[in-house]
Amino acid sequence: MATVFAASRSTVLVDGEQIEGLQSLTFRIVTEQEDVRGVGSSERIAVIFGLRTVQGELAIRSASIKLDTALQQQGKFQLVANLKQTDAQDSPKRTLSFDDCYVIDKSFSVGPGGSVLTSYGFTATRLREE
């Protein structure tokens, strides 16, 4: 059975500070791959793997001065997501640590009712799950 973590019980930290107004955190792990072709065949015979990176996005209601500064100064930061199911001490937990992160882009939108949403794209060297 799957463990369902609660967003309302979980926290996301940038360099140890909780991100206020966080709406979502999404990420994917990308591994370069090259096919080795067989001579005289249209099929691959092996795969060579290369660089592995993490690409993600943080959507924040309003904006984040800390992430804006990281974008302007091309500064490195650490992102940690502490996921919890409930507030109980024995409740399932998981920690996602994104190492050596850099903000690569920023987008801004005003939604229905005048709500502001800023999205920050980032890359990370690695993701550690505990």
Protein backbone atom coordinates (compact mmCIF):
# COMPACT_ATOMS: atom_id res chain seq x y z
CA MET A 1 0.00 0.00 0.00
CA ALA A 2 1.31 3.46 -0.88
CA THR A 3 2.30 6.00 1.75
CA VAL A 4 0.45 9.26 1.22
CA PHE A 5 2.32 12.30 2.54
CA ALA A 6 0.37 15.42 3.50
CA ALA A 7 1.43 18.73 1.99
CA SER A 8 -0.01 20.54 5.01
CA ARG A 9 2.30 18.57 7.35
CA SER A 10 5.41 18.77 5.15
CA THR A 11 7.98 21.56 4.85
CA VAL A 12 10.39 22.69 2.14
CA LEU A 13 13.55 24.54 3.16
CA VAL A 14 16.03 26.62 1.16
CA ASP A 15 19.35 26.79 3.01
CA GLY A 16 17.50 25.93 6.23
CA GLU A 17 14.72 28.53 5.88
CA GLN A 18 11.14 27.44 5.23
CA ILE A 19 9.67 28.70 1.96
CA GLU A 20 6.55 30.76 2.67
CA GLY A 21 3.68 30.54 0.19
CA LEU A 22 4.92 27.34 -1.47
CA GLN A 23 2.25 25.93 -3.78
CA SER A 24 4.15 23.05 -5.37
CA LEU A 25 7.50 21.33 -5.78
CA THR A 26 8.01 19.16 -8.85
CA PHE A 27 11.15 17.46 -10.09
CA ARG A 28 12.52 14.83 -12.42
CA ILE A 29 15.81 13.01 -12.65
CA VAL A 30 17.37 13.11 -16.11
CA THR A 31 20.12 10.73 -17.25
CA GLU A 32 21.87 11.20 -20.59
CA GLN A 33 21.77 8.09 -22.68
CA GLU A 34 23.28 7.12 -25.98
CA ASP A 35 22.33 4.08 -28.01
CA VAL A 36 25.06 1.80 -29.38
CA ARG A 37 24.06 0.71 -32.85
CA GLY A 38 24.67 -2.74 -34.19
CA VAL A 39 26.52 -2.92 -37.52
CA GLY A 40 24.06 -3.90 -40.22
CA SER A 41 21.10 -3.69 -37.85
CA SER A 42 18.44 -1.10 -37.13
CA GLU A 43 18.36 -2.04 -33.46
CA ARG A 44 20.55 -0.95 -30.61
CA ILE A 45 22.81 -3.50 -29.02
CA ALA A 46 23.66 -1.57 -25.84
CA VAL A 47 23.14 1.70 -24.03
CA ILE A 48 25.79 4.05 -22.64
CA PHE A 49 24.72 6.24 -19.74
CA GLY A 50 26.20 9.64 -18.97
CA LEU A 51 25.52 12.70 -16.88
CA ARG A 52 22.66 12.52 -14.37
CA THR A 53 21.01 15.75 -13.18
CA VAL A 54 17.89 16.80 -11.35
CA GLN A 55 15.55 19.39 -12.86
CA GLY A 56 12.79 20.91 -10.78
CA GLU A 57 10.38 23.75 -10.24
CA LEU A 58 9.05 25.57 -7.19
CA ALA A 59 5.75 27.44 -7.51
CA ILE A 60 5.33 30.11 -4.85
CA ARG A 61 2.41 32.39 -4.09
CA SER A 62 3.82 35.90 -4.46
CA ALA A 63 7.64 35.53 -4.62
CA SER A 64 10.76 34.43 -2.73
CA ILE A 65 13.46 37.01 -2.02
CA LYS A 66 15.92 34.19 -1.25
CA LEU A 67 15.36 32.51 -4.64
CA ASP A 68 15.36 35.88 -6.46
CA THR A 69 18.77 36.59 -4.91
CA ALA A 70 20.06 33.13 -5.90
CA LEU A 71 18.96 33.80 -9.50
CA GLN A 72 20.54 37.28 -9.65
CA GLN A 73 23.83 36.20 -8.08
CA GLN A 74 23.90 32.75 -9.71
CA GLY A 75 24.31 31.42 -6.18
CA LYS A 76 24.24 27.82 -5.05
CA PHE A 77 21.75 26.63 -2.42
CA GLN A 78 20.43 23.43 -0.85
CA LEU A 79 16.77 22.48 -1.00
CA VAL A 80 15.33 20.02 1.54
CA ALA A 81 11.78 18.67 1.53
CA ASN A 82 10.68 17.07 4.81
CA LEU A 83 7.63 14.96 3.97
CA LYS A 84 5.26 13.76 6.71
CA GLN A 85 2.04 11.81 6.73
CA THR A 86 0.70 13.11 10.07
CA ASP A 87 2.01 14.98 13.10
CA ALA A 88 2.32 11.74 15.11
CA GLN A 89 5.86 10.82 16.21
CA ASP A 90 5.72 7.35 14.60
CA SER A 91 4.17 8.64 11.36
CA PRO A 92 6.01 7.76 8.11
CA LYS A 93 8.53 10.39 7.06
CA ARG A 94 10.82 10.96 4.10
CA THR A 95 13.48 13.58 3.48
CA LEU A 96 14.44 14.67 -0.04
CA SER A 97 17.72 16.61 -0.17
CA PHE A 98 18.62 18.41 -3.39
CA ASP A 99 22.34 19.24 -3.42
CA ASP A 100 24.14 22.07 -5.24
CA CYS A 101 21.02 23.75 -6.62
CA TYR A 102 20.96 26.72 -8.98
CA VAL A 103 17.94 28.75 -10.12
CA ILE A 104 17.89 28.64 -13.93
CA ASP A 105 14.69 30.55 -14.74
CA LYS A 106 11.79 32.44 -13.27
CA SER A 107 8.26 33.03 -14.53
CA PHE A 108 5.53 35.23 -13.13
CA SER A 109 1.76 35.15 -13.51
CA VAL A 110 -1.32 36.86 -12.13
CA GLY A 111 -4.21 34.45 -11.84
CA PRO A 112 -7.93 34.67 -11.21
CA GLY A 113 -8.80 37.03 -8.37
CA GLY A 114 -5.44 38.79 -8.68
CA SER A 115 -3.38 36.04 -7.05
CA VAL A 116 0.30 36.15 -7.95
CA LEU A 117 2.30 32.99 -8.67
CA THR A 118 6.05 32.94 -9.29
CA SER A 119 7.69 29.75 -10.59
CA TYR A 120 11.41 29.11 -10.16
CA GLY A 121 13.11 26.46 -12.30
CA PHE A 122 16.19 24.89 -10.76
CA THR A 123 18.78 22.21 -11.34
CA ALA A 124 20.55 20.10 -8.74
CA THR A 125 23.65 17.92 -8.86
CA ARG A 126 21.94 15.07 -7.02
CA LEU A 127 18.89 14.03 -5.04
CA ARG A 128 19.28 12.06 -1.81
CA GLU A 129 16.26 10.29 -0.35
CA GLU A 130 16.25 9.25 3.29
